[in-house]
């Protein structure tokens, strides 16, 4: 396998580029609304259930609890206390703000059925979960959590992250904003809360993979802010493992031929599917630019035509 190195890239890090023989895979990135719909957790999870983190709870059981336009983040902050002391005869007092002229009483909305189902789901998953909506997790809001983590063990933890996340806001308000078929009506979305069993994933084991016309064209490390020596040293083994996982379990099995998928390679070398995303600018291209991925620039280099060809960039910190 021939390796060609060049010092370039959107960020420092390791990225791998593939070609399909001598044919360059090119094409304008025209993400459709249907492709966005197909990347919802409840759509792809049943297809790849055997190859992702076990004991995931899709929000099918919670369908409708999170709805577009509903300010569910105003859920009573005393939910946990209310659940714990549900036999307490003292009713919750309304939250009041007052000044010299007026007194306004605001009652926080209550979702008893929703609360019960969420707490039951958290307990069934071992008491620690990773939350997300149909597409996104609140990765941009981990700064607000006390442990700077997306690990949640209560309903208040979940909504604190959701309320602080631009990713979640995007899911709720404009999931089709960057689609090319803006003239078509927006699909009806049943918003879901997805609770997944918490797993301690090492950031250096996560990779993002780009698929065009059902061909794996590029791979890069998910966390491009750090240099992981083992990623660079195990690049060939990692690429081979991902290629085998893709060809055996992912290729031709998804509903679209253009998509992005995230994987995790554990310490035993096993590959797990973490998430699927639309092939378009709504998805972070990380170490690449979307111009590279859609113009064929990533593959426009000399390759060894006898074997799978790839190009890696050196790491410069």
C-alpha atoms as a PDB file:
ATOM      1  CA  UNK A   1       0.000   0.000   0.000  1.00  0.00           C
ATOM      2  CA  UNK A   2       1.588   3.242  -1.089  1.00  0.00           C
ATOM      3  CA  UNK A   3       1.416   6.263   1.190  1.00  0.00           C
ATOM      4  CA  UNK A   4       1.826   9.835   0.021  1.00  0.00           C
ATOM      5  CA  UNK A   5       2.199  12.569   2.627  1.00  0.00           C
ATOM      6  CA  UNK A   6       1.617  16.279   2.396  1.00  0.00           C
ATOM      7  CA  UNK A   7       1.493  19.030   5.002  1.00  0.00           C
ATOM      8  CA  UNK A   8      -1.924  20.566   4.637  1.00  0.00           C
ATOM      9  CA  UNK A   9      -5.393  20.376   6.045  1.00  0.00           C
ATOM     10  CA  UNK A  10      -8.095  22.326   7.773  1.00  0.00           C
ATOM     11  CA  UNK A  11      -6.657  21.571  11.216  1.00  0.00           C
ATOM     12  CA  UNK A  12      -3.800  19.624  12.733  1.00  0.00           C
ATOM     13  CA  UNK A  13      -4.581  15.936  12.901  1.00  0.00           C
ATOM     14  CA  UNK A  14      -4.758  12.699  10.962  1.00  0.00           C
ATOM     15  CA  UNK A  15      -6.987  12.338   7.944  1.00  0.00           C
ATOM     16  CA  UNK A  16      -7.120   9.646   5.290  1.00  0.00           C
ATOM     17  CA  UNK A  17      -8.379   9.982   1.730  1.00  0.00           C
ATOM     18  CA  UNK A  18      -9.492   7.171  -0.565  1.00  0.00           C
ATOM     19  CA  UNK A  19     -10.095   6.839  -4.264  1.00  0.00           C
ATOM     20  CA  UNK A  20     -12.278   4.352  -6.088  1.00  0.00           C
ATOM     21  CA  UNK A  21      -9.620   2.899  -8.415  1.00  0.00           C
ATOM     22  CA  UNK A  22      -8.621   5.642 -10.888  1.00  0.00           C
ATOM     23  CA  UNK A  23     -12.085   7.211 -10.906  1.00  0.00           C
ATOM     24  CA  UNK A  24     -12.358  10.377  -8.861  1.00  0.00           C
ATOM     25  CA  UNK A  25     -15.625  10.618  -6.967  1.00  0.00           C
ATOM     26  CA  UNK A  26     -16.860  14.128  -7.541  1.00  0.00           C
ATOM     27  CA  UNK A  27     -20.116  15.996  -7.382  1.00  0.00           C
ATOM     28  CA  UNK A  28     -21.829  19.052  -5.971  1.00  0.00           C
ATOM     29  CA  UNK A  29     -23.084  18.623  -2.429  1.00  0.00           C
ATOM     30  CA  UNK A  30     -26.872  18.849  -2.751  1.00  0.00           C
ATOM     31  CA  UNK A  31     -28.277  17.624   0.529  1.00  0.00           C
ATOM     32  CA  UNK A  32     -31.989  16.836   0.328  1.00  0.00           C
ATOM     33  CA  UNK A  33     -34.567  17.018   3.076  1.00  0.00           C
ATOM     34  CA  UNK A  34     -35.165  13.301   2.748  1.00  0.00           C
ATOM     35  CA  UNK A  35     -31.498  12.661   3.544  1.00  0.00           C
ATOM     36  CA  UNK A  36     -31.817  14.675   6.735  1.00  0.00           C
ATOM     37  CA  UNK A  37     -34.923  12.706   7.720  1.00  0.00           C
ATOM     38  CA  UNK A  38     -33.115   9.409   7.094  1.00  0.00           C
ATOM     39  CA  UNK A  39     -30.355  10.360   9.537  1.00  0.00           C
ATOM     40  CA  UNK A  40     -32.710  10.524  12.499  1.00  0.00           C
ATOM     41  CA  UNK A  41     -31.745   8.107  15.246  1.00  0.00           C
ATOM     42  CA  UNK A  42     -35.077   6.268  15.118  1.00  0.00           C
ATOM     43  CA  UNK A  43     -34.583   5.654  11.378  1.00  0.00           C
ATOM     44  CA  UNK A  44     -31.018   4.323  11.287  1.00  0.00           C
ATOM     45  CA  UNK A  45     -30.880   2.596  14.679  1.00  0.00           C
ATOM     46  CA  UNK A  46     -33.139  -0.358  13.753  1.00  0.00           C
ATOM     47  CA  UNK A  47     -30.988  -0.986  10.681  1.00  0.00           C
ATOM     48  CA  UNK A  48     -27.659  -1.064  12.526  1.00  0.00           C
ATOM     49  CA  UNK A  49     -28.766  -2.065  16.019  1.00  0.00           C
ATOM     50  CA  UNK A  50     -26.325  -4.980  16.176  1.00  0.00           C
ATOM     51  CA  UNK A  51     -23.341  -2.746  15.434  1.00  0.00           C
ATOM     52  CA  UNK A  52     -23.875   0.170  17.775  1.00  0.00           C
ATOM     53  CA  UNK A  53     -23.799   0.685  21.542  1.00  0.00           C
ATOM     54  CA  UNK A  54     -26.094  -1.829  23.208  1.00  0.00           C
ATOM     55  CA  UNK A  55     -29.126  -1.023  25.288  1.00  0.00           C
ATOM     56  CA  UNK A  56     -29.853   2.208  23.516  1.00  0.00           C
ATOM     57  CA  UNK A  57     -33.369   3.440  24.176  1.00  0.00           C
ATOM     58  CA  UNK A  58     -34.901   5.147  21.218  1.00  0.00           C
ATOM     59  CA  UNK A  59     -37.442   7.742  22.121  1.00  0.00           C
ATOM     60  CA  UNK A  60     -40.209   5.826  20.406  1.00  0.00           C
ATOM     61  CA  UNK A  61     -41.529   5.340  23.918  1.00  0.00           C
ATOM     62  CA  UNK A  62     -41.099   9.081  24.498  1.00  0.00           C
ATOM     63  CA  UNK A  63     -42.369  10.218  21.119  1.00  0.00           C
ATOM     64  CA  UNK A  64     -44.193  13.517  21.244  1.00  0.00           C
ATOM     65  CA  UNK A  65     -42.824  14.610  24.604  1.00  0.00           C
ATOM     66  CA  UNK A  66     -40.420  16.966  22.879  1.00  0.00           C
ATOM     67  CA  UNK A  67     -42.295  18.944  20.255  1.00  0.00           C
ATOM     68  CA  UNK A  68     -41.344  21.757  17.919  1.00  0.00           C
ATOM     69  CA  UNK A  69     -42.168  25.129  19.399  1.00  0.00           C
ATOM     70  CA  UNK A  70     -42.629  23.817  22.940  1.00  0.00           C
ATOM     71  CA  UNK A  71     -40.419  25.372  25.580  1.00  0.00           C
ATOM     72  CA  UNK A  72     -39.819  22.103  27.383  1.00  0.00           C
ATOM     73  CA  UNK A  73     -36.699  23.548  28.975  1.00  0.00           C
ATOM     74  CA  UNK A  74     -38.956  25.307  31.468  1.00  0.00           C
ATOM     75  CA  UNK A  75     -39.588  21.991  33.161  1.00  0.00           C
ATOM     76  CA  UNK A  76     -39.791  22.424  36.918  1.00  0.00           C
ATOM     77  CA  UNK A  77     -36.286  22.386  38.394  1.00  0.00           C
ATOM     78  CA  UNK A  78     -37.637  20.563  41.430  1.00  0.00           C
ATOM     79  CA  UNK A  79     -38.567  17.457  39.427  1.00  0.00           C
ATOM     80  CA  UNK A  80     -36.125  15.211  41.243  1.00  0.00           C
ATOM     81  CA  UNK A  81     -37.213  16.417  44.650  1.00  0.00           C
ATOM     82  CA  UNK A  82     -40.857  15.997  43.702  1.00  0.00           C
ATOM     83  CA  UNK A  83     -40.214  12.426  42.519  1.00  0.00           C
ATOM     84  CA  UNK A  84     -38.315  11.573  45.684  1.00  0.00           C
ATOM     85  CA  UNK A  85     -40.888  13.087  47.971  1.00  0.00           C
ATOM     86  CA  UNK A  86     -43.974  12.231  45.957  1.00  0.00           C
ATOM     87  CA  UNK A  87     -45.785  11.216  49.126  1.00  0.00           C
ATOM     88  CA  UNK A  88     -45.202  14.573  50.744  1.00  0.00           C
ATOM     89  CA  UNK A  89     -48.517  16.267  51.403  1.00  0.00           C
ATOM     90  CA  UNK A  90     -47.127  19.744  50.854  1.00  0.00           C
ATOM     91  CA  UNK A  91     -47.889  21.020  47.368  1.00  0.00           C
ATOM     92  CA  UNK A  92     -45.291  22.948  45.411  1.00  0.00           C
ATOM     93  CA  UNK A  93     -45.601  26.672  45.659  1.00  0.00           C
ATOM     94  CA  UNK A  94     -45.817  28.806  42.544  1.00  0.00           C
ATOM     95  CA  UNK A  95     -42.718  30.824  41.677  1.00  0.00           C
ATOM     96  CA  UNK A  96     -43.414  34.520  42.284  1.00  0.00           C
ATOM     97  CA  UNK A  97     -41.674  37.741  41.358  1.00  0.00           C
ATOM     98  CA  UNK A  98     -42.957  41.012  42.789  1.00  0.00           C
ATOM     99  CA  UNK A  99     -42.209  44.708  42.850  1.00  0.00           C
ATOM    100  CA  UNK A 100     -43.867  47.762  44.287  1.00  0.00           C
ATOM    101  CA  UNK A 101     -46.489  47.987  41.548  1.00  0.00           C
ATOM    102  CA  UNK A 102     -47.486  44.469  40.487  1.00  0.00           C
ATOM    103  CA  UNK A 103     -47.190  40.870  41.507  1.00  0.00           C
ATOM    104  CA  UNK A 104     -46.888  38.249  38.748  1.00  0.00           C
ATOM    105  CA  UNK A 105     -47.315  34.560  39.407  1.00  0.00           C
ATOM    106  CA  UNK A 106     -45.695  32.132  36.969  1.00  0.00           C
ATOM    107  CA  UNK A 107     -46.437  28.428  37.254  1.00  0.00           C
ATOM    108  CA  UNK A 108     -43.800  26.122  35.770  1.00  0.00           C
ATOM    109  CA  UNK A 109     -45.350  23.568  33.401  1.00  0.00           C
ATOM    110  CA  UNK A 110     -45.443  19.968  34.596  1.00  0.00           C
ATOM    111  CA  UNK A 111     -45.007  16.807  32.526  1.00  0.00           C
ATOM    112  CA  UNK A 112     -45.659  13.970  34.991  1.00  0.00           C
ATOM    113  CA  UNK A 113     -45.922  11.184  32.398  1.00  0.00           C
ATOM    114  CA  UNK A 114     -42.858  12.422  30.540  1.00  0.00           C
ATOM    115  CA  UNK A 115     -40.901  12.761  33.792  1.00  0.00           C
ATOM    116  CA  UNK A 116     -41.834   9.261  34.888  1.00  0.00           C
ATOM    117  CA  UNK A 117     -40.790   7.693  31.580  1.00  0.00           C
ATOM    118  CA  UNK A 118     -37.471   9.527  31.482  1.00  0.00           C
ATOM    119  CA  UNK A 119     -36.550   8.550  35.028  1.00  0.00           C
ATOM    120  CA  UNK A 120     -37.558   4.961  34.341  1.00  0.00           C
ATOM    121  CA  UNK A 121     -35.383   4.937  31.204  1.00  0.00           C
ATOM    122  CA  UNK A 122     -32.389   6.403  33.041  1.00  0.00           C
ATOM    123  CA  UNK A 123     -32.655   3.748  35.739  1.00  0.00           C
ATOM    124  CA  UNK A 124     -32.951   0.953  33.161  1.00  0.00           C
ATOM    125  CA  UNK A 125     -29.715   2.152  31.547  1.00  0.00           C
ATOM    126  CA  UNK A 126     -27.718   1.959  34.754  1.00  0.00           C
ATOM    127  CA  UNK A 127     -28.427   5.455  36.052  1.00  0.00           C
ATOM    128  CA  UNK A 128     -26.113   7.293  33.637  1.00  0.00           C
ATOM    129  CA  UNK A 129     -27.080   8.246  30.106  1.00  0.00           C
ATOM    130  CA  UNK A 130     -26.004  10.221  27.028  1.00  0.00           C
ATOM    131  CA  UNK A 131     -28.894  12.407  25.729  1.00  0.00           C
ATOM    132  CA  UNK A 132     -29.683  13.620  22.225  1.00  0.00           C
ATOM    133  CA  UNK A 133     -32.591  14.579  20.023  1.00  0.00           C
ATOM    134  CA  UNK A 134     -33.423  13.144  16.593  1.00  0.00           C
ATOM    135  CA  UNK A 135     -30.055  14.208  15.154  1.00  0.00           C
ATOM    136  CA  UNK A 136     -27.858  16.125  17.556  1.00  0.00           C
ATOM    137  CA  UNK A 137     -26.385  15.769  21.003  1.00  0.00           C
ATOM    138  CA  UNK A 138     -25.709  18.950  23.010  1.00  0.00           C
ATOM    139  CA  UNK A 139     -21.939  18.629  22.532  1.00  0.00           C
ATOM    140  CA  UNK A 140     -21.549  22.397  22.405  1.00  0.00           C
ATOM    141  CA  UNK A 141     -23.037  22.794  25.884  1.00  0.00           C
ATOM    142  CA  UNK A 142     -20.850  20.507  27.992  1.00  0.00           C
ATOM    143  CA  UNK A 143     -19.187  23.632  29.420  1.00  0.00           C
ATOM    144  CA  UNK A 144     -22.285  24.391  31.470  1.00  0.00           C
ATOM    145  CA  UNK A 145     -22.412  21.012  33.217  1.00  0.00           C
ATOM    146  CA  UNK A 146     -20.739  20.710  36.610  1.00  0.00           C
ATOM    147  CA  UNK A 147     -18.549  17.852  35.372  1.00  0.00           C
ATOM    148  CA  UNK A 148     -18.042  19.391  31.878  1.00  0.00           C
ATOM    149  CA  UNK A 149     -19.499  16.190  30.473  1.00  0.00           C
ATOM    150  CA  UNK A 150     -22.601  15.073  28.597  1.00  0.00           C
ATOM    151  CA  UNK A 151     -23.176  12.381  31.200  1.00  0.00           C
ATOM    152  CA  UNK A 152     -26.592  12.843  32.785  1.00  0.00           C
ATOM    153  CA  UNK A 153     -28.299  11.105  35.679  1.00  0.00           C
ATOM    154  CA  UNK A 154     -31.376  13.300  36.047  1.00  0.00           C
ATOM    155  CA  UNK A 155     -33.956  15.122  33.994  1.00  0.00           C
ATOM    156  CA  UNK A 156     -32.632  18.495  35.114  1.00  0.00           C
ATOM    157  CA  UNK A 157     -29.177  17.561  33.772  1.00  0.00           C
ATOM    158  CA  UNK A 158     -30.675  16.799  30.368  1.00  0.00           C
ATOM    159  CA  UNK A 159     -32.625  20.016  30.056  1.00  0.00           C
ATOM    160  CA  UNK A 160     -29.778  22.167  31.313  1.00  0.00           C
ATOM    161  CA  UNK A 161     -27.665  20.869  28.399  1.00  0.00           C
ATOM    162  CA  UNK A 162     -30.509  21.144  25.880  1.00  0.00           C
ATOM    163  CA  UNK A 163     -31.388  24.697  26.836  1.00  0.00           C
ATOM    164  CA  UNK A 164     -27.750  25.761  26.429  1.00  0.00           C
ATOM    165  CA  UNK A 165     -27.089  24.033  23.101  1.00  0.00           C
ATOM    166  CA  UNK A 166     -27.173  25.696  19.682  1.00  0.00           C
ATOM    167  CA  UNK A 167     -27.133  22.214  18.144  1.00  0.00           C
ATOM    168  CA  UNK A 168     -30.402  21.343  19.864  1.00  0.00           C
ATOM    169  CA  UNK A 169     -31.914  24.691  18.887  1.00  0.00           C
ATOM    170  CA  UNK A 170     -31.006  23.979  15.262  1.00  0.00           C
ATOM    171  CA  UNK A 171     -32.707  20.576  15.432  1.00  0.00           C
ATOM    172  CA  UNK A 172     -35.879  22.116  16.830  1.00  0.00           C
ATOM    173  CA  UNK A 173     -36.134  25.202  14.680  1.00  0.00           C
ATOM    174  CA  UNK A 174     -34.369  24.771  11.321  1.00  0.00           C
ATOM    175  CA  UNK A 175     -33.253  21.191  10.592  1.00  0.00           C
ATOM    176  CA  UNK A 176     -33.690  21.669   6.817  1.00  0.00           C
ATOM    177  CA  UNK A 177     -32.147  25.118   6.494  1.00  0.00           C
ATOM    178  CA  UNK A 178     -29.179  24.012   4.349  1.00  0.00           C
ATOM    179  CA  UNK A 179     -31.075  21.624   2.094  1.00  0.00           C
ATOM    180  CA  UNK A 180     -31.071  22.266  -1.651  1.00  0.00           C
ATOM    181  CA  UNK A 181     -34.770  21.470  -2.159  1.00  0.00           C
ATOM    182  CA  UNK A 182     -36.137  24.465  -0.268  1.00  0.00           C
ATOM    183  CA  UNK A 183     -39.131  24.707  -2.602  1.00  0.00           C
ATOM    184  CA  UNK A 184     -40.510  21.417  -1.315  1.00  0.00           C
ATOM    185  CA  UNK A 185     -42.554  21.319   1.900  1.00  0.00           C
ATOM    186  CA  UNK A 186     -40.734  20.416   5.081  1.00  0.00           C
ATOM    187  CA  UNK A 187     -41.332  16.854   6.240  1.00  0.00           C
ATOM    188  CA  UNK A 188     -43.321  16.447   9.438  1.00  0.00           C
ATOM    189  CA  UNK A 189     -40.959  15.640  12.282  1.00  0.00           C
ATOM    190  CA  UNK A 190     -41.921  13.784  15.437  1.00  0.00           C
ATOM    191  CA  UNK A 191     -39.340  15.067  17.868  1.00  0.00           C
ATOM    192  CA  UNK A 192     -37.812  12.458  20.103  1.00  0.00           C
ATOM    193  CA  UNK A 193     -35.626  12.349  23.134  1.00  0.00           C
ATOM    194  CA  UNK A 194     -32.985   9.650  22.789  1.00  0.00           C
ATOM    195  CA  UNK A 195     -31.330   8.241  25.885  1.00  0.00           C
ATOM    196  CA  UNK A 196     -28.307   6.021  25.361  1.00  0.00           C
ATOM    197  CA  UNK A 197     -26.416   4.062  27.964  1.00  0.00           C
ATOM    198  CA  UNK A 198     -23.379   6.041  29.071  1.00  0.00           C
ATOM    199  CA  UNK A 199     -20.084   4.615  27.859  1.00  0.00           C
ATOM    200  CA  UNK A 200     -16.638   5.972  28.618  1.00  0.00           C
ATOM    201  CA  UNK A 201     -15.285   6.551  25.119  1.00  0.00           C
ATOM    202  CA  UNK A 202     -11.691   7.643  24.642  1.00  0.00           C
ATOM    203  CA  UNK A 203     -11.783  10.650  22.261  1.00  0.00           C
ATOM    204  CA  UNK A 204      -8.767   9.324  20.375  1.00  0.00           C
ATOM    205  CA  UNK A 205     -10.795   6.282  19.358  1.00  0.00           C
ATOM    206  CA  UNK A 206     -13.533   8.220  17.547  1.00  0.00           C
ATOM    207  CA  UNK A 207     -13.445   8.779  13.788  1.00  0.00           C
ATOM    208  CA  UNK A 208     -15.689  10.452  11.224  1.00  0.00           C
ATOM    209  CA  UNK A 209     -16.138   8.724   7.868  1.00  0.00           C
ATOM    210  CA  UNK A 210     -17.461  10.284   4.656  1.00  0.00           C
ATOM    211  CA  UNK A 211     -19.375   8.240   2.080  1.00  0.00           C
ATOM    212  CA  UNK A 212     -20.142   9.401  -1.458  1.00  0.00           C
ATOM    213  CA  UNK A 213     -22.057   7.206  -3.920  1.00  0.00           C
ATOM    214  CA  UNK A 214     -21.759   4.366  -1.411  1.00  0.00           C
ATOM    215  CA  UNK A 215     -17.954   4.644  -1.530  1.00  0.00           C
ATOM    216  CA  UNK A 216     -15.868   5.428   1.545  1.00  0.00           C
ATOM    217  CA  UNK A 217     -13.904   8.471   0.393  1.00  0.00           C
ATOM    218  CA  UNK A 218     -12.393   9.955   3.565  1.00  0.00           C
ATOM    219  CA  UNK A 219     -11.740   9.360   7.271  1.00  0.00           C
ATOM    220  CA  UNK A 220     -10.527  11.726   9.972  1.00  0.00           C
ATOM    221  CA  UNK A 221     -10.230  11.713  13.729  1.00  0.00           C
ATOM    222  CA  UNK A 222     -13.347  13.010  15.488  1.00  0.00           C
ATOM    223  CA  UNK A 223     -11.457  15.109  18.033  1.00  0.00           C
ATOM    224  CA  UNK A 224      -9.174  17.286  15.903  1.00  0.00           C
ATOM    225  CA  UNK A 225      -8.231  19.574  18.807  1.00  0.00           C
ATOM    226  CA  UNK A 226      -5.777  17.054  20.266  1.00  0.00           C
ATOM    227  CA  UNK A 227      -2.847  15.049  18.970  1.00  0.00           C
ATOM    228  CA  UNK A 228      -3.128  11.335  19.765  1.00  0.00           C
ATOM    229  CA  UNK A 229       0.115   9.516  19.125  1.00  0.00           C
ATOM    230  CA  UNK A 230      -1.563   6.109  18.924  1.00  0.00           C
ATOM    231  CA  UNK A 231      -3.855   7.356  16.133  1.00  0.00           C
ATOM    232  CA  UNK A 232      -0.873   8.232  13.979  1.00  0.00           C
ATOM    233  CA  UNK A 233       0.993   5.010  14.811  1.00  0.00           C
ATOM    234  CA  UNK A 234      -2.028   2.777  14.198  1.00  0.00           C
ATOM    235  CA  UNK A 235      -3.282   4.627  11.145  1.00  0.00           C
ATOM    236  CA  UNK A 236      -3.016   1.727   8.731  1.00  0.00           C
ATOM    237  CA  UNK A 237      -4.652  -0.763  11.104  1.00  0.00           C
ATOM    238  CA  UNK A 238      -7.421   1.712  11.927  1.00  0.00           C
ATOM    239  CA  UNK A 239      -8.134   2.440   8.273  1.00  0.00           C
ATOM    240  CA  UNK A 240      -8.261  -1.258   7.455  1.00  0.00           C
ATOM    241  CA  UNK A 241     -10.609  -1.956  10.373  1.00  0.00           C
ATOM    242  CA  UNK A 242     -12.932   0.869   9.355  1.00  0.00           C
ATOM    243  CA  UNK A 243     -12.929  -0.200   5.711  1.00  0.00           C
ATOM    244  CA  UNK A 244     -13.827  -3.762   6.671  1.00  0.00           C
ATOM    245  CA  UNK A 245     -16.565  -2.573   9.019  1.00  0.00           C
ATOM    246  CA  UNK A 246     -17.984  -0.341   6.298  1.00  0.00           C
ATOM    247  CA  UNK A 247     -17.960  -2.985   3.578  1.00  0.00           C
ATOM    248  CA  UNK A 248     -19.395  -5.706   5.812  1.00  0.00           C
ATOM    249  CA  UNK A 249     -22.063  -3.803   7.735  1.00  0.00           C
ATOM    250  CA  UNK A 250     -22.734  -0.295   6.387  1.00  0.00           C
ATOM    251  CA  UNK A 251     -22.233  -0.189   2.618  1.00  0.00           C
ATOM    252  CA  UNK A 252     -25.504  -0.517   0.655  1.00  0.00           C
ATOM    253  CA  UNK A 253     -27.476  -1.029   3.875  1.00  0.00           C
ATOM    254  CA  UNK A 254     -28.325   2.598   4.592  1.00  0.00           C
ATOM    255  CA  UNK A 255     -31.220   4.412   2.921  1.00  0.00           C
ATOM    256  CA  UNK A 256     -28.962   6.920   1.115  1.00  0.00           C
ATOM    257  CA  UNK A 257     -25.767   6.580  -0.906  1.00  0.00           C
ATOM    258  CA  UNK A 258     -24.272   9.846   0.413  1.00  0.00           C
ATOM    259  CA  UNK A 259     -23.844  10.122   4.184  1.00  0.00           C
ATOM    260  CA  UNK A 260     -21.409  10.567   7.050  1.00  0.00           C
ATOM    261  CA  UNK A 261     -20.986   8.080   9.869  1.00  0.00           C
ATOM    262  CA  UNK A 262     -19.078   8.208  13.148  1.00  0.00           C
ATOM    263  CA  UNK A 263     -17.399   5.141  14.615  1.00  0.00           C
ATOM    264  CA  UNK A 264     -15.490   4.167  17.712  1.00  0.00           C
ATOM    265  CA  UNK A 265     -12.573   1.717  17.657  1.00  0.00           C
ATOM    266  CA  UNK A 266     -12.073   0.220  21.102  1.00  0.00           C
ATOM    267  CA  UNK A 267      -8.883  -1.079  22.715  1.00  0.00           C
ATOM    268  CA  UNK A 268      -9.525  -4.572  21.315  1.00  0.00           C
ATOM    269  CA  UNK A 269      -9.740  -3.176  17.788  1.00  0.00           C
ATOM    270  CA  UNK A 270     -13.504  -3.697  17.452  1.00  0.00           C
ATOM    271  CA  UNK A 271     -15.410  -1.015  15.560  1.00  0.00           C
ATOM    272  CA  UNK A 272     -18.755   0.348  16.763  1.00  0.00           C
ATOM    273  CA  UNK A 273     -21.172   2.618  14.929  1.00  0.00           C
ATOM    274  CA  UNK A 274     -21.905   5.753  16.950  1.00  0.00           C
ATOM    275  CA  UNK A 275     -23.981   7.998  14.700  1.00  0.00           C
ATOM    276  CA  UNK A 276     -25.036   8.820  11.133  1.00  0.00           C
ATOM    277  CA  UNK A 277     -25.213  12.311   9.656  1.00  0.00           C
ATOM    278  CA  UNK A 278     -26.250  13.919   6.359  1.00  0.00           C
ATOM    279  CA  UNK A 279     -23.583  14.408   3.704  1.00  0.00           C
ATOM    280  CA  UNK A 280     -23.679  18.200   3.652  1.00  0.00           C
ATOM    281  CA  UNK A 281     -22.594  21.386   5.363  1.00  0.00           C
ATOM    282  CA  UNK A 282     -24.948  20.834   8.281  1.00  0.00           C
ATOM    283  CA  UNK A 283     -22.405  18.180   9.342  1.00  0.00           C
ATOM    284  CA  UNK A 284     -18.993  19.315  10.593  1.00  0.00           C
ATOM    285  CA  UNK A 285     -16.354  18.242   8.058  1.00  0.00           C
ATOM    286  CA  UNK A 286     -13.665  18.506  10.776  1.00  0.00           C
ATOM    287  CA  UNK A 287     -10.207  18.087   9.174  1.00  0.00           C
ATOM    288  CA  UNK A 288     -11.602  18.523   5.673  1.00  0.00           C
ATOM    289  CA  UNK A 289     -13.507  21.256   3.908  1.00  0.00           C
ATOM    290  CA  UNK A 290     -16.744  20.451   2.112  1.00  0.00           C
ATOM    291  CA  UNK A 291     -15.200  21.874  -1.040  1.00  0.00           C
ATOM    292  CA  UNK A 292     -12.529  19.174  -0.852  1.00  0.00           C
ATOM    293  CA  UNK A 293     -15.035  16.423  -0.189  1.00  0.00           C
ATOM    294  CA  UNK A 294     -17.370  17.356  -3.030  1.00  0.00           C
ATOM    295  CA  UNK A 295     -14.923  18.544  -5.695  1.00  0.00           C
ATOM    296  CA  UNK A 296     -12.737  15.438  -5.795  1.00  0.00           C
ATOM    297  CA  UNK A 297      -9.703  17.370  -4.550  1.00  0.00           C
ATOM    298  CA  UNK A 298      -9.200  14.869  -1.731  1.00  0.00           C
ATOM    299  CA  UNK A 299      -8.560  12.134  -4.269  1.00  0.00           C
ATOM    300  CA  UNK A 300      -6.659  14.113  -6.883  1.00  0.00           C
ATOM    301  CA  UNK A 301      -3.233  12.636  -6.154  1.00  0.00           C
ATOM    302  CA  UNK A 302      -1.070   9.802  -7.437  1.00  0.00           C
ATOM    303  CA  UNK A 303      -2.151   6.429  -6.056  1.00  0.00           C
ATOM    304  CA  UNK A 304      -1.024   2.822  -6.162  1.00  0.00           C
ATOM    305  CA  UNK A 305      -3.539   1.216  -8.513  1.00  0.00           C
ATOM    306  CA  UNK A 306      -2.758  -2.291  -7.277  1.00  0.00           C
ATOM    307  CA  UNK A 307      -4.263  -1.794  -3.836  1.00  0.00           C
ATOM    308  CA  UNK A 308      -6.645   0.470  -1.975  1.00  0.00           C
ATOM    309  CA  UNK A 309      -5.167   3.938  -2.294  1.00  0.00           C
ATOM    310  CA  UNK A 310      -5.062   6.671   0.268  1.00  0.00           C
ATOM    311  CA  UNK A 311      -3.282   9.863   1.208  1.00  0.00           C
ATOM    312  CA  UNK A 312      -2.545  10.986   4.735  1.00  0.00           C
ATOM    313  CA  UNK A 313      -1.513  14.402   5.944  1.00  0.00           C
ATOM    314  CA  UNK A 314       1.322  14.820   8.398  1.00  0.00           C
ATOM    315  CA  UNK A 315       0.550  16.211  11.816  1.00  0.00           C
ATOM    316  CA  UNK A 316       1.899  19.673  12.555  1.00  0.00           C
ATOM    317  CA  UNK A 317       1.199  21.152  15.989  1.00  0.00           C
END
